[in-house]
Amino acid sequence: MYESSTTHDLILYYFNEVELSDTVLIQHEIDCNPETEESYQEIVQVMDHIDQCMVNPSSSVIKNILNYSHSLK
């Protein structure tokens, strides 16, 4: 039986990696429990920050990697 969301559950929920039945229960807990809502919002903020920090390699770097890869064949 499902009792309460853990941080692990909330992270899985964020990535849509929980069963449908658990999704409904976790969403209900987020909606009804201020502490769970706060925890989930912290996860969302951290993930947003990580997304903003991610750097894409320049096209020249990608080209160099591909050229190197092709040279190994």
Protein backbone atom coordinates (compact mmCIF):
# COMPACT_ATOMS: atom_id res chain seq x y z
CA MET A 1 0.00 0.00 0.00
CA TYR A 2 1.18 3.49 -0.79
CA GLU A 3 1.74 5.64 2.30
CA SER A 4 3.70 8.75 1.41
CA SER A 5 6.04 10.05 -1.25
CA THR A 6 9.74 9.88 -0.71
CA THR A 7 12.24 12.06 -2.53
CA HIS A 8 13.00 9.06 -4.71
CA ASP A 9 9.30 8.73 -5.60
CA LEU A 10 9.10 12.42 -6.45
CA ILE A 11 12.14 12.22 -8.71
CA LEU A 12 10.68 9.21 -10.48
CA TYR A 13 7.41 11.09 -10.80
CA TYR A 14 9.21 14.10 -12.28
CA PHE A 15 10.68 11.85 -14.99
CA ASN A 16 7.37 10.00 -15.53
CA GLU A 17 8.92 6.75 -14.34
CA VAL A 18 6.14 5.60 -12.01
CA GLU A 19 3.14 3.39 -12.61
CA LEU A 20 -0.12 5.15 -13.44
CA SER A 21 -1.67 4.21 -10.12
CA ASP A 22 1.30 5.70 -8.24
CA THR A 23 1.21 8.79 -10.44
CA VAL A 24 -2.32 9.53 -9.29
CA LEU A 25 -1.39 9.00 -5.64
CA ILE A 26 1.75 11.12 -5.84
CA GLN A 27 -0.06 13.94 -7.61
CA HIS A 28 -2.77 13.83 -4.96
CA GLU A 29 -0.15 14.02 -2.23
CA ILE A 30 1.56 16.95 -3.96
CA ASP A 31 -1.80 18.70 -4.17
CA CYS A 32 -2.81 18.00 -0.57
CA ASN A 33 0.43 18.03 1.40
CA PRO A 34 2.33 21.34 1.51
CA GLU A 35 5.58 19.63 2.54
CA THR A 36 5.41 17.24 -0.39
CA GLU A 37 4.53 20.09 -2.72
CA GLU A 38 7.55 22.05 -1.47
CA SER A 39 9.82 19.04 -1.96
CA TYR A 40 8.53 18.52 -5.48
CA GLN A 41 8.97 22.20 -6.35
CA GLU A 42 12.57 22.02 -5.14
CA ILE A 43 13.16 19.08 -7.49
CA VAL A 44 11.61 21.04 -10.37
CA GLN A 45 13.79 24.06 -9.60
CA VAL A 46 16.96 21.97 -9.41
CA MET A 47 16.17 20.29 -12.72
CA ASP A 48 15.45 23.66 -14.34
CA HIS A 49 18.78 24.94 -13.06
CA ILE A 50 20.59 21.87 -14.40
CA ASP A 51 18.92 22.34 -17.78
CA GLN A 52 20.07 25.96 -17.89
CA CYS A 53 23.63 25.00 -16.99
CA MET A 54 24.01 22.37 -19.66
CA VAL A 55 26.33 23.41 -22.42
CA ASN A 56 26.12 22.18 -25.98
CA PRO A 57 29.39 21.53 -27.78
CA SER A 58 30.22 23.76 -30.69
CA SER A 59 29.73 22.45 -34.20
CA SER A 60 33.52 22.29 -34.67
CA VAL A 61 33.85 19.99 -31.65
CA ILE A 62 31.13 17.72 -33.00
CA LYS A 63 32.82 17.73 -36.40
CA ASN A 64 36.17 16.77 -34.84
CA ILE A 65 34.59 13.92 -32.91
CA LEU A 66 32.83 12.61 -36.01
CA ASN A 67 36.00 12.89 -38.09
CA TYR A 68 37.94 11.00 -35.45
CA SER A 69 35.26 8.34 -35.28
CA HIS A 70 35.28 7.91 -39.05
CA SER A 71 39.05 7.63 -39.08
CA LEU A 72 38.86 4.60 -36.76
CA LYS A 73 36.88 2.56 -39.27
